Amino acid sequence: MIAPVALSVFVPTFFLVSLTPGMCMTLAMVLGMTQGVRRALWMMLGELTGVALVAVAAGAGVATLMLSQPALFTAFKWLGGAYLAYLGVMMWRERGRMAIPELTGEQAAVGRRALVAQGFVTAVANPKGWAFFVALLPPFLDPGRPLAAQLAVLVAMILAIEFVCLLLYAAGGRGAGRLLGSAGRVRLLNRLAGTLMMGVGVWLALG
C-alpha cells in the first residue's frame, strides 16, 4: 500500500523526531520517576490515543480547520497546561498524590483515568504536534491509492515508534528516581519532577 522507499525514509525520520525531547517525552520521564514505568503505561495509553487522533485528523485535513479556528484550541491548551503546572507545583511542595513522601518513600498511585487524561490532553493540545503531522504525513500519502489504508499503516507505525520512545524516557526517569531516592534525596527528586511538570504545563499553554 505504501512504497518501501517511502517507508525507509518515513521510519527513521519519525523515530528521530519522536525521540527528541518534547512535552510527551518529558511527561513520560516525570511519571517514570514518580509513578514507575508500569503506571506510566496508562499515561502512554492516553498519549498514543491522542497521537492517533491528531495523525488521522491531520491526514484527513481536519488540522487545517483546527488551526484556522484557534479560539477553542487555545482555551483547551491553556486548561491542560494549567492543570499540568498545578501538578508540578504540588510535587514541588511535596503534596498531592504524585509527590513522593519524604519519610516512607512509598508512592501513592495516581488514578488510571487521571494518567490517561494527562497523556491524551498533552498529545491533543500540542500545536506543534498538529503542525508536524500536517507537514509530515501528506508527502507520504499517494493520492492514487486508498487514503484510509495508507493512513492505517502510517499511524500504526507512528504509534509503535512513539511507544518505544515513551518507554525509553519512562525507564530513564525510573532509573533517576531510584538513584536519587536511594541516596535519600527525595525532596530533590520531588522538586526536579515538579519543575519538569511545570515546564511541560507552560510549554503546552504557550507552545
N, C-alpha and C. Protein backbone atom coordinates (compact mmCIF):
# COMPACT_ATOMS: atom_id res chain seq x y z
N MET A 1 0.82 -1.21 0.00
CA MET A 1 0.00 0.00 0.00
C MET A 1 0.86 1.26 0.00
N ILE A 2 2.01 1.18 0.68
CA ILE A 2 2.95 2.29 0.72
C ILE A 2 4.29 1.79 0.19
N ALA A 3 4.90 2.55 -0.68
CA ALA A 3 6.14 2.12 -1.31
C ALA A 3 7.22 1.90 -0.26
N PRO A 4 8.01 0.82 -0.38
CA PRO A 4 9.09 0.55 0.57
C PRO A 4 10.09 1.71 0.67
N VAL A 5 10.33 2.38 -0.44
CA VAL A 5 11.27 3.51 -0.41
C VAL A 5 10.74 4.62 0.50
N ALA A 6 9.43 4.87 0.39
CA ALA A 6 8.83 5.90 1.24
C ALA A 6 8.93 5.51 2.71
N LEU A 7 8.68 4.24 3.01
CA LEU A 7 8.76 3.78 4.40
C LEU A 7 10.18 3.85 4.93
N SER A 8 11.15 3.59 4.07
CA SER A 8 12.55 3.63 4.51
C SER A 8 12.97 5.04 4.90
N VAL A 9 12.26 6.02 4.39
CA VAL A 9 12.52 7.41 4.76
C VAL A 9 11.66 7.81 5.95
N PHE A 10 10.41 7.36 5.96
CA PHE A 10 9.46 7.76 6.99
C PHE A 10 9.87 7.25 8.37
N VAL A 11 10.26 5.99 8.46
CA VAL A 11 10.54 5.37 9.77
C VAL A 11 11.69 6.07 10.50
N PRO A 12 12.89 6.20 9.90
CA PRO A 12 13.96 6.89 10.64
C PRO A 12 13.65 8.36 10.91
N THR A 13 12.94 9.00 10.00
CA THR A 13 12.60 10.41 10.21
C THR A 13 11.70 10.57 11.43
N PHE A 14 10.64 9.78 11.49
CA PHE A 14 9.73 9.91 12.62
C PHE A 14 10.37 9.45 13.92
N PHE A 15 11.23 8.42 13.85
CA PHE A 15 11.88 7.94 15.06
C PHE A 15 12.77 9.03 15.67
N LEU A 16 13.53 9.73 14.83
CA LEU A 16 14.39 10.80 15.33
C LEU A 16 13.57 11.95 15.91
N VAL A 17 12.47 12.28 15.24
CA VAL A 17 11.61 13.36 15.72
C VAL A 17 10.95 12.96 17.03
N SER A 18 10.47 11.73 17.11
CA SER A 18 9.79 11.26 18.31
C SER A 18 10.75 11.15 19.49
N LEU A 19 11.99 10.77 19.22
CA LEU A 19 12.98 10.61 20.28
C LEU A 19 13.45 11.95 20.84
N THR A 20 13.27 13.02 20.07
CA THR A 20 13.66 14.35 20.53
C THR A 20 12.84 14.75 21.75
N PRO A 21 13.48 15.30 22.79
CA PRO A 21 12.73 15.69 23.99
C PRO A 21 11.59 16.65 23.66
N GLY A 22 10.43 16.34 24.17
CA GLY A 22 9.24 17.18 23.98
C GLY A 22 8.32 17.04 25.17
N MET A 23 7.13 17.57 25.04
CA MET A 23 6.20 17.56 26.16
C MET A 23 5.83 16.14 26.59
N CYS A 24 5.47 15.30 25.64
CA CYS A 24 5.04 13.95 25.98
C CYS A 24 6.19 13.11 26.54
N MET A 25 7.37 13.27 25.96
CA MET A 25 8.51 12.51 26.45
C MET A 25 8.91 12.98 27.86
N THR A 26 8.84 14.29 28.09
CA THR A 26 9.14 14.80 29.42
C THR A 26 8.13 14.29 30.44
N LEU A 27 6.86 14.26 30.05
CA LEU A 27 5.82 13.75 30.93
C LEU A 27 6.08 12.27 31.25
N ALA A 28 6.47 11.50 30.27
CA ALA A 28 6.78 10.08 30.49
C ALA A 28 7.94 9.94 31.48
N MET A 29 8.95 10.79 31.35
CA MET A 29 10.10 10.73 32.25
C MET A 29 9.70 11.08 33.68
N VAL A 30 8.85 12.11 33.82
CA VAL A 30 8.40 12.51 35.16
C VAL A 30 7.60 11.39 35.82
N LEU A 31 6.69 10.79 35.06
CA LEU A 31 5.89 9.72 35.63
C LEU A 31 6.73 8.48 35.90
N GLY A 32 7.76 8.26 35.09
CA GLY A 32 8.68 7.17 35.38
C GLY A 32 9.38 7.40 36.71
N MET A 33 9.73 8.64 37.00
CA MET A 33 10.36 8.99 38.28
C MET A 33 9.43 8.75 39.46
N THR A 34 8.20 9.25 39.33
CA THR A 34 7.31 9.33 40.48
C THR A 34 6.31 8.18 40.59
N GLN A 35 5.97 7.55 39.45
CA GLN A 35 4.95 6.51 39.48
C GLN A 35 5.48 5.14 39.06
N GLY A 36 6.61 5.14 38.38
CA GLY A 36 7.12 3.87 37.87
C GLY A 36 6.67 3.64 36.44
N VAL A 37 7.38 2.77 35.75
CA VAL A 37 7.12 2.54 34.34
C VAL A 37 5.74 1.91 34.12
N ARG A 38 5.36 0.98 35.00
CA ARG A 38 4.08 0.29 34.80
C ARG A 38 2.90 1.25 34.86
N ARG A 39 2.89 2.13 35.84
CA ARG A 39 1.77 3.06 35.94
C ARG A 39 1.86 4.14 34.85
N ALA A 40 3.07 4.44 34.42
CA ALA A 40 3.22 5.40 33.32
C ALA A 40 2.60 4.87 32.03
N LEU A 41 2.41 3.55 31.95
CA LEU A 41 1.79 2.97 30.76
C LEU A 41 0.37 3.51 30.55
N TRP A 42 -0.31 3.86 31.63
CA TRP A 42 -1.66 4.42 31.49
C TRP A 42 -1.60 5.80 30.83
N MET A 43 -0.60 6.60 31.20
CA MET A 43 -0.42 7.87 30.52
C MET A 43 -0.11 7.65 29.05
N MET A 44 0.72 6.64 28.78
CA MET A 44 1.08 6.34 27.39
C MET A 44 -0.14 5.94 26.58
N LEU A 45 -1.08 5.22 27.21
CA LEU A 45 -2.31 4.85 26.52
C LEU A 45 -3.07 6.10 26.07
N GLY A 46 -3.19 7.06 26.97
CA GLY A 46 -3.87 8.31 26.60
C GLY A 46 -3.10 9.09 25.57
N GLU A 47 -1.78 9.12 25.72
CA GLU A 47 -0.95 9.88 24.79
C GLU A 47 -1.01 9.27 23.39
N LEU A 48 -0.93 7.96 23.30
CA LEU A 48 -0.97 7.30 22.00
C LEU A 48 -2.34 7.45 21.35
N THR A 49 -3.40 7.44 22.16
CA THR A 49 -4.73 7.69 21.62
C THR A 49 -4.82 9.09 21.03
N GLY A 50 -4.25 10.07 21.77
CA GLY A 50 -4.24 11.44 21.27
C GLY A 50 -3.41 11.59 20.01
N VAL A 51 -2.25 10.93 19.98
CA VAL A 51 -1.40 10.99 18.79
C VAL A 51 -2.11 10.39 17.59
N ALA A 52 -2.78 9.26 17.81
CA ALA A 52 -3.53 8.63 16.70
C ALA A 52 -4.62 9.56 16.18
N LEU A 53 -5.32 10.20 17.10
CA LEU A 53 -6.39 11.13 16.70
C LEU A 53 -5.82 12.30 15.90
N VAL A 54 -4.72 12.88 16.37
CA VAL A 54 -4.11 14.01 15.68
C VAL A 54 -3.59 13.58 14.31
N ALA A 55 -2.95 12.41 14.25
CA ALA A 55 -2.40 11.94 12.97
C ALA A 55 -3.49 11.70 11.94
N VAL A 56 -4.57 11.04 12.36
CA VAL A 56 -5.67 10.77 11.43
C VAL A 56 -6.33 12.08 10.99
N ALA A 57 -6.55 12.98 11.96
CA ALA A 57 -7.18 14.25 11.63
C ALA A 57 -6.30 15.07 10.68
N ALA A 58 -5.00 15.05 10.95
CA ALA A 58 -4.08 15.80 10.08
C ALA A 58 -4.06 15.21 8.68
N GLY A 59 -4.03 13.88 8.61
CA GLY A 59 -4.03 13.24 7.30
C GLY A 59 -5.31 13.47 6.53
N ALA A 60 -6.41 13.64 7.27
CA ALA A 60 -7.70 13.88 6.62
C ALA A 60 -7.96 15.35 6.36
N GLY A 61 -7.06 16.22 6.79
CA GLY A 61 -7.22 17.64 6.52
C GLY A 61 -7.94 18.41 7.61
N VAL A 62 -8.30 17.74 8.73
CA VAL A 62 -9.02 18.43 9.80
C VAL A 62 -8.10 19.43 10.51
N ALA A 63 -6.80 19.17 10.54
CA ALA A 63 -5.88 20.05 11.25
C ALA A 63 -5.93 21.47 10.69
N THR A 64 -6.13 21.60 9.40
CA THR A 64 -6.21 22.94 8.81
C THR A 64 -7.36 23.73 9.42
N LEU A 65 -8.49 23.06 9.60
CA LEU A 65 -9.65 23.72 10.22
C LEU A 65 -9.36 24.07 11.67
N MET A 66 -8.74 23.14 12.40
CA MET A 66 -8.42 23.39 13.81
C MET A 66 -7.50 24.59 13.98
N LEU A 67 -6.50 24.68 13.12
CA LEU A 67 -5.54 25.77 13.24
C LEU A 67 -6.10 27.10 12.73
N SER A 68 -7.12 27.03 11.89
CA SER A 68 -7.73 28.27 11.40
C SER A 68 -8.78 28.81 12.35
N GLN A 69 -9.22 28.01 13.32
CA GLN A 69 -10.18 28.43 14.35
C GLN A 69 -9.53 28.23 15.71
N PRO A 70 -8.61 29.11 16.09
CA PRO A 70 -7.77 28.85 17.25
C PRO A 70 -8.39 29.12 18.62
N ALA A 71 -9.58 29.71 18.69
CA ALA A 71 -10.14 30.12 19.99
C ALA A 71 -10.33 28.93 20.94
N LEU A 72 -11.09 27.94 20.51
CA LEU A 72 -11.33 26.78 21.37
C LEU A 72 -10.05 25.99 21.59
N PHE A 73 -9.25 25.90 20.56
CA PHE A 73 -7.98 25.17 20.67
C PHE A 73 -7.07 25.82 21.70
N THR A 74 -7.02 27.16 21.69
CA THR A 74 -6.20 27.89 22.65
C THR A 74 -6.71 27.69 24.08
N ALA A 75 -8.03 27.74 24.24
CA ALA A 75 -8.61 27.53 25.57
C ALA A 75 -8.28 26.13 26.08
N PHE A 76 -8.37 25.15 25.22
CA PHE A 76 -8.05 23.77 25.59
C PHE A 76 -6.58 23.65 25.99
N LYS A 77 -5.73 24.32 25.24
CA LYS A 77 -4.30 24.31 25.56
C LYS A 77 -4.04 24.88 26.94
N TRP A 78 -4.66 26.04 27.23
CA TRP A 78 -4.41 26.71 28.50
C TRP A 78 -4.94 25.91 29.68
N LEU A 79 -6.10 25.30 29.52
CA LEU A 79 -6.64 24.48 30.59
C LEU A 79 -5.74 23.28 30.87
N GLY A 80 -5.30 22.61 29.82
CA GLY A 80 -4.40 21.48 30.00
C GLY A 80 -3.07 21.90 30.60
N GLY A 81 -2.52 23.01 30.11
CA GLY A 81 -1.24 23.49 30.65
C GLY A 81 -1.36 23.90 32.10
N ALA A 82 -2.47 24.55 32.47
CA ALA A 82 -2.67 24.97 33.85
C ALA A 82 -2.76 23.77 34.79
N TYR A 83 -3.43 22.72 34.33
CA TYR A 83 -3.55 21.52 35.17
C TYR A 83 -2.20 20.86 35.39
N LEU A 84 -1.40 20.73 34.34
CA LEU A 84 -0.08 20.12 34.49
C LEU A 84 0.83 20.99 35.36
N ALA A 85 0.74 22.31 35.21
CA ALA A 85 1.54 23.21 36.03
C ALA A 85 1.12 23.08 37.50
N TYR A 86 -0.18 22.94 37.76
CA TYR A 86 -0.67 22.76 39.13
C TYR A 86 -0.09 21.49 39.73
N LEU A 87 -0.08 20.40 38.96
CA LEU A 87 0.52 19.16 39.46
C LEU A 87 1.99 19.37 39.78
N GLY A 88 2.69 20.13 38.95
CA GLY A 88 4.10 20.41 39.20
C GLY A 88 4.31 21.18 40.49
N VAL A 89 3.46 22.17 40.74
CA VAL A 89 3.57 22.95 41.98
C VAL A 89 3.34 22.05 43.19
N MET A 90 2.35 21.17 43.11
CA MET A 90 2.06 20.26 44.22
C MET A 90 3.23 19.31 44.46
N MET A 91 3.86 18.86 43.40
CA MET A 91 5.02 17.98 43.56
C MET A 91 6.19 18.74 44.18
N TRP A 92 6.39 20.00 43.76
CA TRP A 92 7.45 20.83 44.32
C TRP A 92 7.25 21.02 45.82
N ARG A 93 5.99 21.18 46.23
CA ARG A 93 5.65 21.39 47.63
C ARG A 93 5.51 20.07 48.40
N GLU A 94 5.77 18.96 47.68
CA GLU A 94 5.68 17.62 48.27
C GLU A 94 4.28 17.35 48.79
N ARG A 95 3.29 17.74 47.99
CA ARG A 95 1.90 17.47 48.32
C ARG A 95 1.23 16.82 47.12
N GLY A 96 0.07 16.25 47.38
CA GLY A 96 -0.66 15.62 46.28
C GLY A 96 -0.22 14.18 46.08
N ARG A 97 -0.96 13.46 45.27
CA ARG A 97 -0.73 12.03 45.09
C ARG A 97 0.50 11.72 44.24
N MET A 98 0.98 12.70 43.48
CA MET A 98 2.13 12.42 42.64
C MET A 98 3.46 12.64 43.34
N ALA A 99 3.44 13.35 44.46
CA ALA A 99 4.67 13.60 45.20
C ALA A 99 5.10 12.35 45.97
N ILE A 100 6.39 12.13 46.05
CA ILE A 100 6.92 11.01 46.81
C ILE A 100 7.05 11.41 48.27
N PRO A 101 6.46 10.66 49.20
CA PRO A 101 6.57 11.01 50.62
C PRO A 101 8.01 11.00 51.09
N GLU A 102 8.37 11.99 51.88
CA GLU A 102 9.74 12.14 52.36
C GLU A 102 10.13 11.05 53.34
N LEU A 103 9.21 10.65 54.18
CA LEU A 103 9.55 9.73 55.26
C LEU A 103 9.45 8.27 54.84
N THR A 104 8.34 7.88 54.23
CA THR A 104 8.14 6.48 53.92
C THR A 104 8.76 6.06 52.60
N GLY A 105 8.83 7.01 51.65
CA GLY A 105 9.34 6.68 50.33
C GLY A 105 8.37 5.85 49.51
N GLU A 106 7.15 5.61 50.05
CA GLU A 106 6.16 4.85 49.32
C GLU A 106 5.29 5.79 48.51
N GLN A 107 5.14 5.49 47.26
CA GLN A 107 4.43 6.39 46.36
C GLN A 107 2.96 6.02 46.25
N ALA A 108 2.08 6.99 46.48
CA ALA A 108 0.66 6.77 46.27
C ALA A 108 0.38 6.73 44.77
N ALA A 109 -0.43 5.78 44.37
CA ALA A 109 -0.71 5.61 42.95
C ALA A 109 -1.74 6.63 42.47
N VAL A 110 -1.43 7.27 41.38
CA VAL A 110 -2.37 8.18 40.75
C VAL A 110 -3.40 7.35 39.99
N GLY A 111 -4.66 7.80 39.97
CA GLY A 111 -5.71 7.06 39.29
C GLY A 111 -5.42 6.84 37.82
N ARG A 112 -5.88 5.71 37.31
CA ARG A 112 -5.63 5.38 35.92
C ARG A 112 -6.27 6.40 34.98
N ARG A 113 -7.48 6.81 35.30
CA ARG A 113 -8.17 7.78 34.44
C ARG A 113 -7.41 9.09 34.38
N ALA A 114 -6.88 9.52 35.53
CA ALA A 114 -6.12 10.77 35.56
C ALA A 114 -4.87 10.67 34.69
N LEU A 115 -4.21 9.53 34.75
CA LEU A 115 -3.00 9.34 33.94
C LEU A 115 -3.34 9.31 32.45
N VAL A 116 -4.41 8.60 32.10
CA VAL A 116 -4.83 8.55 30.70
C VAL A 116 -5.19 9.95 30.20
N ALA A 117 -5.90 10.70 31.05
CA ALA A 117 -6.31 12.05 30.66
C ALA A 117 -5.10 12.96 30.47
N GLN A 118 -4.09 12.85 31.34
CA GLN A 118 -2.89 13.67 31.20
C GLN A 118 -2.21 13.42 29.86
N GLY A 119 -2.07 12.14 29.52
CA GLY A 119 -1.42 11.82 28.25
C GLY A 119 -2.22 12.29 27.06
N PHE A 120 -3.54 12.10 27.11
CA PHE A 120 -4.39 12.48 25.98
C PHE A 120 -4.38 13.99 25.76
N VAL A 121 -4.56 14.75 26.84
CA VAL A 121 -4.60 16.21 26.72
C VAL A 121 -3.26 16.74 26.21
N THR A 122 -2.17 16.21 26.74
CA THR A 122 -0.86 16.68 26.32
C THR A 122 -0.63 16.44 24.82
N ALA A 123 -1.09 15.30 24.33
CA ALA A 123 -0.89 14.98 22.91
C ALA A 123 -1.80 15.82 22.01
N VAL A 124 -3.08 15.92 22.37
CA VAL A 124 -4.05 16.58 21.50
C VAL A 124 -3.88 18.10 21.52
N ALA A 125 -3.50 18.65 22.67
CA ALA A 125 -3.40 20.11 22.79
C ALA A 125 -2.03 20.66 22.40
N ASN A 126 -1.21 19.83 21.82
CA ASN A 126 0.13 20.26 21.41
C ASN A 126 0.08 20.80 19.98
N PRO A 127 0.14 22.12 19.80
CA PRO A 127 0.04 22.67 18.43
C PRO A 127 1.19 22.25 17.54
N LYS A 128 2.35 22.00 18.13
CA LYS A 128 3.48 21.56 17.33
C LYS A 128 3.23 20.17 16.76
N GLY A 129 2.49 19.35 17.52
CA GLY A 129 2.15 18.03 17.02
C GLY A 129 1.25 18.11 15.80
N TRP A 130 0.25 19.00 15.86
CA TRP A 130 -0.63 19.20 14.71
C TRP A 130 0.17 19.69 13.50
N ALA A 131 1.00 20.70 13.74
CA ALA A 131 1.78 21.26 12.63
C ALA A 131 2.73 20.23 12.05
N PHE A 132 3.31 19.41 12.92
CA PHE A 132 4.26 18.39 12.46
C PHE A 132 3.56 17.37 11.56
N PHE A 133 2.41 16.88 12.00
CA PHE A 133 1.71 15.88 11.21
C PHE A 133 1.18 16.45 9.89
N VAL A 134 0.76 17.72 9.93
CA VAL A 134 0.31 18.36 8.69
C VAL A 134 1.46 18.41 7.68
N ALA A 135 2.67 18.67 8.20
CA ALA A 135 3.83 18.79 7.31
C ALA A 135 4.38 17.42 6.91
N LEU A 136 4.30 16.43 7.82
CA LEU A 136 4.97 15.16 7.58
C LEU A 136 4.13 14.17 6.77
N LEU A 137 2.86 14.05 7.11
CA LEU A 137 2.07 12.97 6.51
C LEU A 137 1.77 13.14 5.01
N PRO A 138 1.35 14.31 4.55
CA PRO A 138 0.97 14.43 3.14
C PRO A 138 2.02 13.94 2.14
N PRO A 139 3.31 14.22 2.34
CA PRO A 139 4.27 13.74 1.34
C PRO A 139 4.33 12.23 1.21
N PHE A 140 3.89 11.51 2.25
CA PHE A 140 3.95 10.05 2.20
C PHE A 140 2.62 9.41 1.78
N LEU A 141 1.63 10.24 1.50
CA LEU A 141 0.33 9.73 1.06
C LEU A 141 0.22 9.82 -0.46
N ASP A 142 -0.08 8.72 -1.08
CA ASP A 142 -0.23 8.66 -2.54
C ASP A 142 -1.70 8.87 -2.89
N PRO A 143 -2.03 9.97 -3.58
CA PRO A 143 -3.44 10.24 -3.92
C PRO A 143 -4.04 9.19 -4.84
N GLY A 144 -3.21 8.39 -5.46
CA GLY A 144 -3.71 7.36 -6.36
C GLY A 144 -4.07 6.07 -5.65
N ARG A 145 -3.86 6.01 -4.33
CA ARG A 145 -4.17 4.81 -3.57
C ARG A 145 -5.19 5.16 -2.47
N PRO A 146 -5.88 4.15 -1.93
CA PRO A 146 -6.87 4.41 -0.88
C PRO A 146 -6.26 5.11 0.33
N LEU A 147 -6.85 6.25 0.71
CA LEU A 147 -6.31 7.05 1.80
C LEU A 147 -6.39 6.32 3.13
N ALA A 148 -7.51 5.66 3.39
CA ALA A 148 -7.72 5.01 4.68
C ALA A 148 -6.65 3.94 4.94
N ALA A 149 -6.35 3.14 3.93
CA ALA A 149 -5.37 2.07 4.10
C ALA A 149 -3.98 2.65 4.36
N GLN A 150 -3.62 3.70 3.64
CA GLN A 150 -2.31 4.32 3.84
C GLN A 150 -2.20 4.93 5.24
N LEU A 151 -3.26 5.63 5.67
CA LEU A 151 -3.25 6.22 6.99
C LEU A 151 -3.14 5.16 8.07
N ALA A 152 -3.83 4.04 7.89
CA ALA A 152 -3.79 2.96 8.87
C ALA A 152 -2.37 2.44 9.06
N VAL A 153 -1.66 2.25 7.95
CA VAL A 153 -0.29 1.75 8.02
C VAL A 153 0.64 2.77 8.69
N LEU A 154 0.54 4.04 8.26
CA LEU A 154 1.42 5.07 8.82
C LEU A 154 1.13 5.32 10.29
N VAL A 155 -0.13 5.38 10.68
CA VAL A 155 -0.48 5.63 12.08
C VAL A 155 -0.03 4.47 12.96
N ALA A 156 -0.17 3.24 12.47
CA ALA A 156 0.29 2.08 13.23
C ALA A 156 1.80 2.16 13.48
N MET A 157 2.54 2.56 12.47
CA MET A 157 3.99 2.69 12.62
C MET A 157 4.34 3.84 13.56
N ILE A 158 3.60 4.93 13.45
CA ILE A 158 3.83 6.08 14.32
C ILE A 158 3.62 5.70 15.78
N LEU A 159 2.54 4.98 16.06
CA LEU A 159 2.24 4.58 17.43
C LEU A 159 3.29 3.62 17.98
N ALA A 160 3.76 2.71 17.15
CA ALA A 160 4.79 1.78 17.60
C ALA A 160 6.08 2.52 17.96
N ILE A 161 6.48 3.44 17.10
CA ILE A 161 7.70 4.21 17.34
C ILE A 161 7.54 5.09 18.57
N GLU A 162 6.40 5.75 18.68
CA GLU A 162 6.13 6.63 19.82
C GLU A 162 6.14 5.84 21.13
N PHE A 163 5.58 4.66 21.12
CA PHE A 163 5.52 3.84 22.32
C PHE A 163 6.93 3.44 22.78
N VAL A 164 7.77 3.06 21.84
CA VAL A 164 9.15 2.70 22.18
C VAL A 164 9.87 3.89 22.81
N CYS A 165 9.70 5.07 22.24
CA CYS A 165 10.37 6.26 22.77
C CYS A 165 9.84 6.63 24.15
N LEU A 166 8.53 6.51 24.35
CA LEU A 166 7.94 6.78 25.66
C LEU A 166 8.50 5.83 26.72
N LEU A 167 8.62 4.56 26.35
CA LEU A 167 9.18 3.58 27.29
C LEU A 167 10.62 3.93 27.66
N LEU A 168 11.40 4.36 26.67
CA LEU A 168 12.79 4.73 26.94
C LEU A 168 12.87 5.89 27.93
N TYR A 169 12.03 6.90 27.74
CA TYR A 169 12.04 8.05 28.64
C TYR A 169 11.54 7.67 30.03
N ALA A 170 10.48 6.86 30.09
CA ALA A 170 9.95 6.45 31.39
C ALA A 170 10.97 5.60 32.15
N ALA A 171 11.65 4.71 31.44
CA ALA A 171 12.68 3.89 32.09
C ALA A 171 13.84 4.75 32.58
N GLY A 172 14.20 5.75 31.78
CA GLY A 172 15.26 6.66 32.23
C GLY A 172 14.85 7.43 33.46
N GLY A 173 13.59 7.89 33.50
CA GLY A 173 13.09 8.59 34.67
C GLY A 173 13.05 7.69 35.88
N ARG A 174 12.65 6.43 35.68
CA ARG A 174 12.62 5.49 36.80
C ARG A 174 14.02 5.26 37.35
N GLY A 175 15.00 5.15 36.46
CA GLY A 175 16.37 4.96 36.92
C GLY A 175 16.86 6.15 37.73
N ALA A 176 16.56 7.36 37.26
CA ALA A 176 16.95 8.55 38.00
C ALA A 176 16.24 8.62 39.34
N GLY A 177 14.95 8.21 39.36
CA GLY A 177 14.20 8.22 40.60
C GLY A 177 14.78 7.27 41.63
N ARG A 178 15.17 6.10 41.20
CA ARG A 178 15.77 5.13 42.13
C ARG A 178 17.12 5.62 42.64
N LEU A 179 17.90 6.24 41.76
CA LEU A 179 19.22 6.74 42.17
C LEU A 179 19.08 7.82 43.22
N LEU A 180 18.21 8.79 42.96
CA LEU A 180 18.03 9.88 43.91
C LEU A 180 17.34 9.41 45.18
N GLY A 181 16.37 8.49 45.02
CA GLY A 181 15.65 8.01 46.19
C GLY A 181 16.54 7.20 47.11
N SER A 182 17.41 6.38 46.53
CA SER A 182 18.30 5.55 47.35
C SER A 182 19.33 6.39 48.06
N ALA A 183 19.59 7.58 47.54
CA ALA A 183 20.58 8.46 48.18
C ALA A 183 19.92 9.38 49.21
N GLY A 184 18.63 9.16 49.48
CA GLY A 184 17.93 9.96 50.47
C GLY A 184 17.62 11.36 49.98
N ARG A 185 17.52 11.52 48.68
CA ARG A 185 17.27 12.85 48.11
C ARG A 185 15.85 12.95 47.56
N VAL A 186 14.89 12.53 48.37
CA VAL A 186 13.50 12.51 47.91
C VAL A 186 13.01 13.92 47.62
N ARG A 187 13.39 14.87 48.47
CA ARG A 187 12.94 16.25 48.24
C ARG A 187 13.48 16.77 46.91
N LEU A 188 14.75 16.48 46.62
CA LEU A 188 15.33 16.90 45.35
C LEU A 188 14.59 16.26 44.19
N LEU A 189 14.24 14.97 44.33
CA LEU A 189 13.52 14.27 43.27
C LEU A 189 12.15 14.90 43.04
N ASN A 190 11.45 15.22 44.13
CA ASN A 190 10.14 15.86 44.00
C ASN A 190 10.25 17.21 43.29
N ARG A 191 11.28 17.97 43.65
CA ARG A 191 11.43 19.30 43.05
C ARG A 191 11.87 19.20 41.59
N LEU A 192 12.69 18.23 41.28
CA LEU A 192 13.10 18.03 39.89
C LEU A 192 11.90 17.63 39.05
N ALA A 193 11.14 16.64 39.54
CA ALA A 193 9.96 16.19 38.81
C ALA A 193 8.92 17.30 38.70
N GLY A 194 8.74 18.05 39.80
CA GLY A 194 7.78 19.15 39.79
C GLY A 194 8.16 20.24 38.81
N THR A 195 9.45 20.56 38.76
CA THR A 195 9.91 21.58 37.82
C THR A 195 9.68 21.14 36.38
N LEU A 196 9.98 19.87 36.09
CA LEU A 196 9.75 19.36 34.74
C LEU A 196 8.27 19.38 34.39
N MET A 197 7.43 19.01 35.37
CA MET A 197 5.99 19.01 35.11
C MET A 197 5.47 20.42 34.87
N MET A 198 5.94 21.38 35.67
CA MET A 198 5.54 22.77 35.44
C MET A 198 6.02 23.24 34.06
N GLY A 199 7.22 22.82 33.69
CA GLY A 199 7.74 23.19 32.37
C GLY A 199 6.87 22.64 31.25
N VAL A 200 6.39 21.40 31.41
CA VAL A 200 5.50 20.83 30.40
C VAL A 200 4.22 21.62 30.32
N GLY A 201 3.69 22.03 31.50
CA GLY A 201 2.45 22.83 31.52
C GLY A 201 2.60 24.17 30.81
N VAL A 202 3.71 24.86 31.11
CA VAL A 202 3.95 26.16 30.47
C VAL A 202 4.18 25.97 28.97
N TRP A 203 4.92 24.94 28.63
CA TRP A 203 5.20 24.64 27.22
C TRP A 203 3.90 24.38 26.46
N LEU A 204 3.01 23.61 27.10
CA LEU A 204 1.73 23.29 26.47
C LEU A 204 0.88 24.54 26.28
N ALA A 205 0.85 25.41 27.30
CA ALA A 205 0.00 26.61 27.25
C ALA A 205 0.52 27.63 26.24
N LEU A 206 1.83 27.79 26.19
CA LEU A 206 2.42 28.85 25.37
C LEU A 206 2.93 28.36 24.02
N GLY A 207 2.94 27.03 23.84
CA GLY A 207 3.50 26.47 22.60
C GLY A 207 2.66 26.77 21.37
